Amino acid sequence: AMVKASIYAINGIELDPSYIALDNKHNMLGYISPRFVVI
């Protein structure tokens, strides 16, 4: 099944943004980084 993911950047916590993926109902799909993913 296909799941549409919107990727958001949250700024203000660290020097770099934190990226989070939400589905079309704004439920959490995952936290993403180049090496560490919670999905």
ModelCIF file with pLDDT and N, C-alpha, C, O atoms, coordinates in Angstrom:
data_MODEL
#
_entry.id   MODEL 
#
_entity.id                         1 
_entity.type                       polymer 
_entity.pdbx_number_of_molecules   1 
#
_entity_poly.entity_id                      1 
_entity_poly.type                           'polypeptide(L)' 
_entity_poly.nstd_linkage                   no 
_entity_poly.nstd_monomer                   no 
_entity_poly.pdbx_seq_one_letter_code       AMVKASIYAINGIELDPSYIALDNKHNMLGYISPRFVVI 
_entity_poly.pdbx_seq_one_letter_code_can   AMVKASIYAINGIELDPSYIALDNKHNMLGYISPRFVVI 
_entity_poly.pdbx_strand_id                 A 
#
loop_
_entity_poly_seq.entity_id 
_entity_poly_seq.num 
_entity_poly_seq.mon_id 
_entity_poly_seq.hetero 
1 1  ALA n 
1 2  MET n 
1 3  VAL n 
1 4  LYS n 
1 5  ALA n 
1 6  SER n 
1 7  ILE n 
1 8  TYR n 
1 9  ALA n 
1 10 ILE n 
1 11 ASN n 
1 12 GLY n 
1 13 ILE n 
1 14 GLU n 
1 15 LEU n 
1 16 ASP n 
1 17 PRO n 
1 18 SER n 
1 19 TYR n 
1 20 ILE n 
1 21 ALA n 
1 22 LEU n 
1 23 ASP n 
1 24 ASN n 
1 25 LYS n 
1 26 HIS n 
1 27 ASN n 
1 28 MET n 
1 29 LEU n 
1 30 GLY n 
1 31 TYR n 
1 32 ILE n 
1 33 SER n 
1 34 PRO n 
1 35 ARG n 
1 36 PHE n 
1 37 VAL n 
1 38 VAL n 
1 39 ILE n 
#
_struct_asym.id          A 
_struct_asym.entity_id   1 
#
loop_
_ma_qa_metric.id 
_ma_qa_metric.mode 
_ma_qa_metric.name 
_ma_qa_metric.software_group_id 
_ma_qa_metric.type 
1 global pLDDT . pLDDT 
2 local  pLDDT . pLDDT 
#
_ma_qa_metric_global.metric_id      1 
_ma_qa_metric_global.metric_value   94.03 
_ma_qa_metric_global.model_id       1 
_ma_qa_metric_global.ordinal_id     1 
#
loop_
_ma_qa_metric_local.label_asym_id 
_ma_qa_metric_local.label_comp_id 
_ma_qa_metric_local.label_seq_id 
_ma_qa_metric_local.metric_id 
_ma_qa_metric_local.metric_value 
_ma_qa_metric_local.model_id 
_ma_qa_metric_local.ordinal_id 
A ALA 1  2 93.00 1 1  
A MET 2  2 95.00 1 2  
A VAL 3  2 94.00 1 3  
A LYS 4  2 95.00 1 4  
A ALA 5  2 96.00 1 5  
A SER 6  2 96.00 1 6  
A ILE 7  2 97.00 1 7  
A TYR 8  2 97.00 1 8  
A ALA 9  2 97.00 1 9  
A ILE 10 2 96.00 1 10 
A ASN 11 2 95.00 1 11 
A GLY 12 2 93.00 1 12 
A ILE 13 2 92.00 1 13 
A GLU 14 2 90.00 1 14 
A LEU 15 2 88.00 1 15 
A ASP 16 2 89.00 1 16 
A PRO 17 2 94.00 1 17 
A SER 18 2 95.00 1 18 
A TYR 19 2 97.00 1 19 
A ILE 20 2 97.00 1 20 
A ALA 21 2 97.00 1 21 
A LEU 22 2 97.00 1 22 
A ASP 23 2 95.00 1 23 
A ASN 24 2 92.00 1 24 
A LYS 25 2 92.00 1 25 
A HIS 26 2 93.00 1 26 
A ASN 27 2 94.00 1 27 
A MET 28 2 96.00 1 28 
A LEU 29 2 96.00 1 29 
A GLY 30 2 96.00 1 30 
A TYR 31 2 97.00 1 31 
A ILE 32 2 95.00 1 32 
A SER 33 2 92.00 1 33 
A PRO 34 2 88.00 1 34 
A ARG 35 2 84.00 1 35 
A PHE 36 2 90.00 1 36 
A VAL 37 2 95.00 1 37 
A VAL 38 2 96.00 1 38 
A ILE 39 2 96.00 1 39 
#
loop_
_atom_site.group_PDB 
_atom_site.id 
_atom_site.type_symbol 
_atom_site.label_atom_id 
_atom_site.label_alt_id 
_atom_site.label_comp_id 
_atom_site.label_asym_id 
_atom_site.label_entity_id 
_atom_site.label_seq_id 
_atom_site.pdbx_PDB_ins_code 
_atom_site.Cartn_x 
_atom_site.Cartn_y 
_atom_site.Cartn_z 
_atom_site.occupancy 
_atom_site.B_iso_or_equiv 
_atom_site.pdbx_formal_charge 
_atom_site.auth_seq_id 
_atom_site.auth_comp_id 
_atom_site.auth_asym_id 
_atom_site.auth_atom_id 
_atom_site.pdbx_PDB_model_num 
ATOM 1   N N  . ALA A 1 1  ? 0.840  -1.190 0.000  1.00 93.00 ? 1  ALA A N  1 
ATOM 2   C CA . ALA A 1 1  ? 0.000  0.000  0.000  1.00 93.00 ? 1  ALA A CA 1 
ATOM 3   C C  . ALA A 1 1  ? 0.879  1.245  0.000  1.00 93.00 ? 1  ALA A C  1 
ATOM 4   O O  . ALA A 1 1  ? 1.934  1.271  0.634  1.00 93.00 ? 1  ALA A O  1 
ATOM 5   N N  . MET A 1 2  ? 0.435  2.281  -0.717 1.00 95.00 ? 2  MET A N  1 
ATOM 6   C CA . MET A 1 2  ? 1.207  3.505  -0.807 1.00 95.00 ? 2  MET A CA 1 
ATOM 7   C C  . MET A 1 2  ? 0.816  4.459  0.322  1.00 95.00 ? 2  MET A C  1 
ATOM 8   O O  . MET A 1 2  ? -0.362 4.634  0.633  1.00 95.00 ? 2  MET A O  1 
ATOM 9   N N  . VAL A 1 3  ? 1.811  5.055  0.911  1.00 94.00 ? 3  VAL A N  1 
ATOM 10  C CA . VAL A 1 3  ? 1.608  6.010  2.001  1.00 94.00 ? 3  VAL A CA 1 
ATOM 11  C C  . VAL A 1 3  ? 2.266  7.324  1.596  1.00 94.00 ? 3  VAL A C  1 
ATOM 12  O O  . VAL A 1 3  ? 3.455  7.354  1.277  1.00 94.00 ? 3  VAL A O  1 
ATOM 13  N N  . LYS A 1 4  ? 1.497  8.406  1.606  1.00 95.00 ? 4  LYS A N  1 
ATOM 14  C CA . LYS A 1 4  ? 2.054  9.713  1.291  1.00 95.00 ? 4  LYS A CA 1 
ATOM 15  C C  . LYS A 1 4  ? 2.686  10.310 2.542  1.00 95.00 ? 4  LYS A C  1 
ATOM 16  O O  . LYS A 1 4  ? 2.048  10.395 3.591  1.00 95.00 ? 4  LYS A O  1 
ATOM 17  N N  . ALA A 1 5  ? 3.946  10.722 2.423  1.00 96.00 ? 5  ALA A N  1 
ATOM 18  C CA . ALA A 1 5  ? 4.679  11.281 3.556  1.00 96.00 ? 5  ALA A CA 1 
ATOM 19  C C  . ALA A 1 5  ? 5.062  12.724 3.267  1.00 96.00 ? 5  ALA A C  1 
ATOM 20  O O  . ALA A 1 5  ? 5.633  13.034 2.221  1.00 96.00 ? 5  ALA A O  1 
ATOM 21  N N  . SER A 1 6  ? 4.737  13.602 4.212  1.00 96.00 ? 6  SER A N  1 
ATOM 22  C CA . SER A 1 6  ? 5.198  14.984 4.154  1.00 96.00 ? 6  SER A CA 1 
ATOM 23  C C  . SER A 1 6  ? 6.371  15.136 5.117  1.00 96.00 ? 6  SER A C  1 
ATOM 24  O O  . SER A 1 6  ? 6.294  14.712 6.270  1.00 96.00 ? 6  SER A O  1 
ATOM 25  N N  . ILE A 1 7  ? 7.451  15.737 4.642  1.00 97.00 ? 7  ILE A N  1 
ATOM 26  C CA . ILE A 1 7  ? 8.657  15.878 5.447  1.00 97.00 ? 7  ILE A CA 1 
ATOM 27  C C  . ILE A 1 7  ? 8.745  17.310 5.962  1.00 97.00 ? 7  ILE A C  1 
ATOM 28  O O  . ILE A 1 7  ? 8.685  18.265 5.187  1.00 97.00 ? 7  ILE A O  1 
ATOM 29  N N  . TYR A 1 8  ? 8.888  17.447 7.276  1.00 97.00 ? 8  TYR A N  1 
ATOM 30  C CA . TYR A 1 8  ? 8.958  18.756 7.913  1.00 97.00 ? 8  TYR A CA 1 
ATOM 31  C C  . TYR A 1 8  ? 10.299 18.927 8.617  1.00 97.00 ? 8  TYR A C  1 
ATOM 32  O O  . TYR A 1 8  ? 10.884 17.971 9.127  1.00 97.00 ? 8  TYR A O  1 
ATOM 33  N N  . ALA A 1 9  ? 10.768 20.178 8.629  1.00 97.00 ? 9  ALA A N  1 
ATOM 34  C CA . ALA A 1 9  ? 11.977 20.538 9.372  1.00 97.00 ? 9  ALA A CA 1 
ATOM 35  C C  . ALA A 1 9  ? 11.569 21.373 10.572 1.00 97.00 ? 9  ALA A C  1 
ATOM 36  O O  . ALA A 1 9  ? 10.885 22.388 10.432 1.00 97.00 ? 9  ALA A O  1 
ATOM 37  N N  . ILE A 1 10 ? 11.992 20.941 11.755 1.00 96.00 ? 10 ILE A N  1 
ATOM 38  C CA . ILE A 1 10 ? 11.757 21.696 12.987 1.00 96.00 ? 10 ILE A CA 1 
ATOM 39  C C  . ILE A 1 10 ? 13.055 22.383 13.363 1.00 96.00 ? 10 ILE A C  1 
ATOM 40  O O  . ILE A 1 10 ? 14.084 21.728 13.534 1.00 96.00 ? 10 ILE A O  1 
ATOM 41  N N  . ASN A 1 11 ? 13.012 23.695 13.491 1.00 95.00 ? 11 ASN A N  1 
ATOM 42  C CA . ASN A 1 11 ? 14.195 24.487 13.822 1.00 95.00 ? 11 ASN A CA 1 
ATOM 43  C C  . ASN A 1 11 ? 14.045 25.123 15.196 1.00 95.00 ? 11 ASN A C  1 
ATOM 44  O O  . ASN A 1 11 ? 12.939 25.428 15.643 1.00 95.00 ? 11 ASN A O  1 
ATOM 45  N N  . GLY A 1 12 ? 15.196 25.317 15.860 1.00 93.00 ? 12 GLY A N  1 
ATOM 46  C CA . GLY A 1 12 ? 15.222 26.046 17.122 1.00 93.00 ? 12 GLY A CA 1 
ATOM 47  C C  . GLY A 1 12 ? 15.682 25.247 18.308 1.00 93.00 ? 12 GLY A C  1 
ATOM 48  O O  . GLY A 1 12 ? 15.898 25.802 19.386 1.00 93.00 ? 12 GLY A O  1 
ATOM 49  N N  . ILE A 1 13 ? 15.838 23.918 18.128 1.00 92.00 ? 13 ILE A N  1 
ATOM 50  C CA . ILE A 1 13 ? 16.281 23.090 19.252 1.00 92.00 ? 13 ILE A CA 1 
ATOM 51  C C  . ILE A 1 13 ? 17.793 22.949 19.237 1.00 92.00 ? 13 ILE A C  1 
ATOM 52  O O  . ILE A 1 13 ? 18.459 23.168 20.248 1.00 92.00 ? 13 ILE A O  1 
ATOM 53  N N  . GLU A 1 14 ? 18.322 22.584 18.088 1.00 90.00 ? 14 GLU A N  1 
ATOM 54  C CA . GLU A 1 14 ? 19.759 22.428 17.906 1.00 90.00 ? 14 GLU A CA 1 
ATOM 55  C C  . GLU A 1 14 ? 20.223 23.409 16.827 1.00 90.00 ? 14 GLU A C  1 
ATOM 56  O O  . GLU A 1 14 ? 19.428 24.199 16.318 1.00 90.00 ? 14 GLU A O  1 
ATOM 57  N N  . LEU A 1 15 ? 21.502 23.355 16.486 1.00 88.00 ? 15 LEU A N  1 
ATOM 58  C CA . LEU A 1 15 ? 22.000 24.199 15.403 1.00 88.00 ? 15 LEU A CA 1 
ATOM 59  C C  . LEU A 1 15 ? 21.429 23.776 14.056 1.00 88.00 ? 15 LEU A C  1 
ATOM 60  O O  . LEU A 1 15 ? 21.278 24.598 13.152 1.00 88.00 ? 15 LEU A O  1 
ATOM 61  N N  . ASP A 1 16 ? 21.115 22.501 13.928 1.00 89.00 ? 16 ASP A N  1 
ATOM 62  C CA . ASP A 1 16 ? 20.555 21.981 12.683 1.00 89.00 ? 16 ASP A CA 1 
ATOM 63  C C  . ASP A 1 16 ? 19.082 21.647 12.874 1.00 89.00 ? 16 ASP A C  1 
ATOM 64  O O  . ASP A 1 16 ? 18.658 21.398 14.002 1.00 89.00 ? 16 ASP A O  1 
ATOM 65  N N  . PRO A 1 17 ? 18.298 21.635 11.814 1.00 94.00 ? 17 PRO A N  1 
ATOM 66  C CA . PRO A 1 17 ? 16.898 21.221 11.941 1.00 94.00 ? 17 PRO A CA 1 
ATOM 67  C C  . PRO A 1 17 ? 16.776 19.733 12.214 1.00 94.00 ? 17 PRO A C  1 
ATOM 68  O O  . PRO A 1 17 ? 17.665 18.949 11.883 1.00 94.00 ? 17 PRO A O  1 
ATOM 69  N N  . SER A 1 18 ? 15.663 19.360 12.822 1.00 95.00 ? 18 SER A N  1 
ATOM 70  C CA . SER A 1 18 ? 15.295 17.950 12.982 1.00 95.00 ? 18 SER A CA 1 
ATOM 71  C C  . SER A 1 18 ? 14.186 17.654 11.992 1.00 95.00 ? 18 SER A C  1 
ATOM 72  O O  . SER A 1 18 ? 13.249 18.440 11.853 1.00 95.00 ? 18 SER A O  1 
ATOM 73  N N  . TYR A 1 19 ? 14.284 16.513 11.295 1.00 97.00 ? 19 TYR A N  1 
ATOM 74  C CA . TYR A 1 19 ? 13.327 16.177 10.247 1.00 97.00 ? 19 TYR A CA 1 
ATOM 75  C C  . TYR A 1 19 ? 12.348 15.116 10.734 1.00 97.00 ? 19 TYR A C  1 
ATOM 76  O O  . TYR A 1 19 ? 12.745 14.128 11.351 1.00 97.00 ? 19 TYR A O  1 
ATOM 77  N N  . ILE A 1 20 ? 11.065 15.328 10.451 1.00 97.00 ? 20 ILE A N  1 
ATOM 78  C CA . ILE A 1 20 ? 10.031 14.380 10.842 1.00 97.00 ? 20 ILE A CA 1 
ATOM 79  C C  . ILE A 1 20 ? 9.092  14.158 9.662  1.00 97.00 ? 20 ILE A C  1 
ATOM 80  O O  . ILE A 1 20 ? 8.786  15.086 8.913  1.00 97.00 ? 20 ILE A O  1 
ATOM 81  N N  . ALA A 1 21 ? 8.640  12.914 9.506  1.00 97.00 ? 21 ALA A N  1 
ATOM 82  C CA . ALA A 1 21 ? 7.728  12.543 8.417  1.00 97.00 ? 21 ALA A CA 1 
ATOM 83  C C  . ALA A 1 21 ? 6.334  12.317 8.991  1.00 97.00 ? 21 ALA A C  1 
ATOM 84  O O  . ALA A 1 21 ? 6.173  11.584 9.967  1.00 97.00 ? 21 ALA A O  1 
ATOM 85  N N  . LEU A 1 22 ? 5.328  12.946 8.385  1.00 97.00 ? 22 LEU A N  1 
ATOM 86  C CA . LEU A 1 22 ? 3.932  12.787 8.788  1.00 97.00 ? 22 LEU A CA 1 
ATOM 87  C C  . LEU A 1 22 ? 3.121  12.262 7.615  1.00 97.00 ? 22 LEU A C  1 
ATOM 88  O O  . LEU A 1 22 ? 3.422  12.552 6.457  1.00 97.00 ? 22 LEU A O  1 
ATOM 89  N N  . ASP A 1 23 ? 2.081  11.481 7.928  1.00 95.00 ? 23 ASP A N  1 
ATOM 90  C CA . ASP A 1 23 ? 1.210  11.009 6.853  1.00 95.00 ? 23 ASP A CA 1 
ATOM 91  C C  . ASP A 1 23 ? 0.161  12.075 6.536  1.00 95.00 ? 23 ASP A C  1 
ATOM 92  O O  . ASP A 1 23 ? 0.201  13.174 7.090  1.00 95.00 ? 23 ASP A O  1 
ATOM 93  N N  . ASN A 1 24 ? -0.784 11.745 5.637  1.00 92.00 ? 24 ASN A N  1 
ATOM 94  C CA . ASN A 1 24 ? -1.739 12.769 5.198  1.00 92.00 ? 24 ASN A CA 1 
ATOM 95  C C  . ASN A 1 24 ? -2.769 13.121 6.266  1.00 92.00 ? 24 ASN A C  1 
ATOM 96  O O  . ASN A 1 24 ? -3.536 14.068 6.090  1.00 92.00 ? 24 ASN A O  1 
ATOM 97  N N  . LYS A 1 25 ? -2.799 12.373 7.376  1.00 92.00 ? 25 LYS A N  1 
ATOM 98  C CA . LYS A 1 25 ? -3.645 12.725 8.519  1.00 92.00 ? 25 LYS A CA 1 
ATOM 99  C C  . LYS A 1 25 ? -2.835 13.380 9.631  1.00 92.00 ? 25 LYS A C  1 
ATOM 100 O O  . LYS A 1 25 ? -3.323 13.576 10.743 1.00 92.00 ? 25 LYS A O  1 
ATOM 101 N N  . HIS A 1 26 ? -1.591 13.713 9.310  1.00 93.00 ? 26 HIS A N  1 
ATOM 102 C CA . HIS A 1 26 ? -0.662 14.326 10.265 1.00 93.00 ? 26 HIS A CA 1 
ATOM 103 C C  . HIS A 1 26 ? -0.343 13.409 11.440 1.00 93.00 ? 26 HIS A C  1 
ATOM 104 O O  . HIS A 1 26 ? -0.095 13.871 12.554 1.00 93.00 ? 26 HIS A O  1 
ATOM 105 N N  . ASN A 1 27 ? -0.352 12.099 11.175 1.00 94.00 ? 27 ASN A N  1 
ATOM 106 C CA . ASN A 1 27 ? 0.162  11.144 12.154 1.00 94.00 ? 27 ASN A CA 1 
ATOM 107 C C  . ASN A 1 27 ? 1.641  10.893 11.872 1.00 94.00 ? 27 ASN A C  1 
ATOM 108 O O  . ASN A 1 27 ? 2.108  11.062 10.745 1.00 94.00 ? 27 ASN A O  1 
ATOM 109 N N  . MET A 1 28 ? 2.365  10.491 12.904 1.00 96.00 ? 28 MET A N  1 
ATOM 110 C CA . MET A 1 28 ? 3.810  10.312 12.758 1.00 96.00 ? 28 MET A CA 1 
ATOM 111 C C  . MET A 1 28 ? 4.138  9.069  11.932 1.00 96.00 ? 28 MET A C  1 
ATOM 112 O O  . MET A 1 28 ? 3.652  7.974  12.215 1.00 96.00 ? 28 MET A O  1 
ATOM 113 N N  . LEU A 1 29 ? 4.965  9.255  10.916 1.00 96.00 ? 29 LEU A N  1 
ATOM 114 C CA . LEU A 1 29 ? 5.541  8.139  10.166 1.00 96.00 ? 29 LEU A CA 1 
ATOM 115 C C  . LEU A 1 29 ? 6.957  7.850  10.634 1.00 96.00 ? 29 LEU A C  1 
ATOM 116 O O  . LEU A 1 29 ? 7.378  6.694  10.683 1.00 96.00 ? 29 LEU A O  1 
ATOM 117 N N  . GLY A 1 30 ? 7.699  8.914  10.982 1.00 96.00 ? 30 GLY A N  1 
ATOM 118 C CA . GLY A 1 30 ? 9.059  8.649  11.431 1.00 96.00 ? 30 GLY A CA 1 
ATOM 119 C C  . GLY A 1 30 ? 9.865  9.901  11.699 1.00 96.00 ? 30 GLY A C  1 
ATOM 120 O O  . GLY A 1 30 ? 9.539  10.993 11.231 1.00 96.00 ? 30 GLY A O  1 
ATOM 121 N N  . TYR A 1 31 ? 10.917 9.714  12.459 1.00 97.00 ? 31 TYR A N  1 
ATOM 122 C CA . TYR A 1 31 ? 11.991 10.705 12.610 1.00 97.00 ? 31 TYR A CA 1 
ATOM 123 C C  . TYR A 1 31 ? 13.097 10.266 11.665 1.00 97.00 ? 31 TYR A C  1 
ATOM 124 O O  . TYR A 1 31 ? 13.439 9.085  11.622 1.00 97.00 ? 31 TYR A O  1 
ATOM 125 N N  . ILE A 1 32 ? 13.667 11.211 10.900 1.00 95.00 ? 32 ILE A N  1 
ATOM 126 C CA . ILE A 1 32 ? 14.658 10.791 9.909  1.00 95.00 ? 32 ILE A CA 1 
ATOM 127 C C  . ILE A 1 32 ? 15.927 11.630 10.014 1.00 95.00 ? 32 ILE A C  1 
ATOM 128 O O  . ILE A 1 32 ? 15.885 12.836 10.256 1.00 95.00 ? 32 ILE A O  1 
ATOM 129 N N  . SER A 1 33 ? 17.046 10.959 9.826  1.00 92.00 ? 33 SER A N  1 
ATOM 130 C CA . SER A 1 33 ? 18.359 11.596 9.697  1.00 92.00 ? 33 SER A CA 1 
ATOM 131 C C  . SER A 1 33 ? 19.174 10.714 8.761  1.00 92.00 ? 33 SER A C  1 
ATOM 132 O O  . SER A 1 33 ? 18.728 9.619  8.419  1.00 92.00 ? 33 SER A O  1 
ATOM 133 N N  . PRO A 1 34 ? 20.353 11.156 8.338  1.00 88.00 ? 34 PRO A N  1 
ATOM 134 C CA . PRO A 1 34 ? 21.105 10.349 7.371  1.00 88.00 ? 34 PRO A CA 1 
ATOM 135 C C  . PRO A 1 34 ? 21.493 8.960  7.865  1.00 88.00 ? 34 PRO A C  1 
ATOM 136 O O  . PRO A 1 34 ? 21.672 8.056  7.049  1.00 88.00 ? 34 PRO A O  1 
ATOM 137 N N  . ARG A 1 35 ? 21.629 8.762  9.178  1.00 84.00 ? 35 ARG A N  1 
ATOM 138 C CA . ARG A 1 35 ? 22.066 7.450  9.658  1.00 84.00 ? 35 ARG A CA 1 
ATOM 139 C C  . ARG A 1 35 ? 21.112 6.831  10.674 1.00 84.00 ? 35 ARG A C  1 
ATOM 140 O O  . ARG A 1 35 ? 21.167 5.624  10.909 1.00 84.00 ? 35 ARG A O  1 
ATOM 141 N N  . PHE A 1 36 ? 20.243 7.629  11.276 1.00 90.00 ? 36 PHE A N  1 
ATOM 142 C CA . PHE A 1 36 ? 19.378 7.157  12.360 1.00 90.00 ? 36 PHE A CA 1 
ATOM 143 C C  . PHE A 1 36 ? 17.938 7.442  11.980 1.00 90.00 ? 36 PHE A C  1 
ATOM 144 O O  . PHE A 1 36 ? 17.560 8.595  11.770 1.00 90.00 ? 36 PHE A O  1 
ATOM 145 N N  . VAL A 1 37 ? 17.124 6.377  11.891 1.00 95.00 ? 37 VAL A N  1 
ATOM 146 C CA . VAL A 1 37 ? 15.735 6.522  11.471 1.00 95.00 ? 37 VAL A CA 1 
ATOM 147 C C  . VAL A 1 37 ? 14.840 5.807  12.472 1.00 95.00 ? 37 VAL A C  1 
ATOM 148 O O  . VAL A 1 37 ? 15.120 4.672  12.859 1.00 95.00 ? 37 VAL A O  1 
ATOM 149 N N  . VAL A 1 38 ? 13.768 6.464  12.891 1.00 96.00 ? 38 VAL A N  1 
ATOM 150 C CA . VAL A 1 38 ? 12.716 5.826  13.686 1.00 96.00 ? 38 VAL A CA 1 
ATOM 151 C C  . VAL A 1 38 ? 11.476 5.816  12.803 1.00 96.00 ? 38 VAL A C  1 
ATOM 152 O O  . VAL A 1 38 ? 10.956 6.873  12.447 1.00 96.00 ? 38 VAL A O  1 
ATOM 153 N N  . ILE A 1 39 ? 10.996 4.615  12.447 1.00 96.00 ? 39 ILE A N  1 
ATOM 154 C CA . ILE A 1 39 ? 9.992  4.510  11.382 1.00 96.00 ? 39 ILE A CA 1 
ATOM 155 C C  . ILE A 1 39 ? 8.842  3.605  11.810 1.00 96.00 ? 39 ILE A C  1 
ATOM 156 O O  . ILE A 1 39 ? 7.902  3.397  11.043 1.00 96.00 ? 39 ILE A O  1 
#
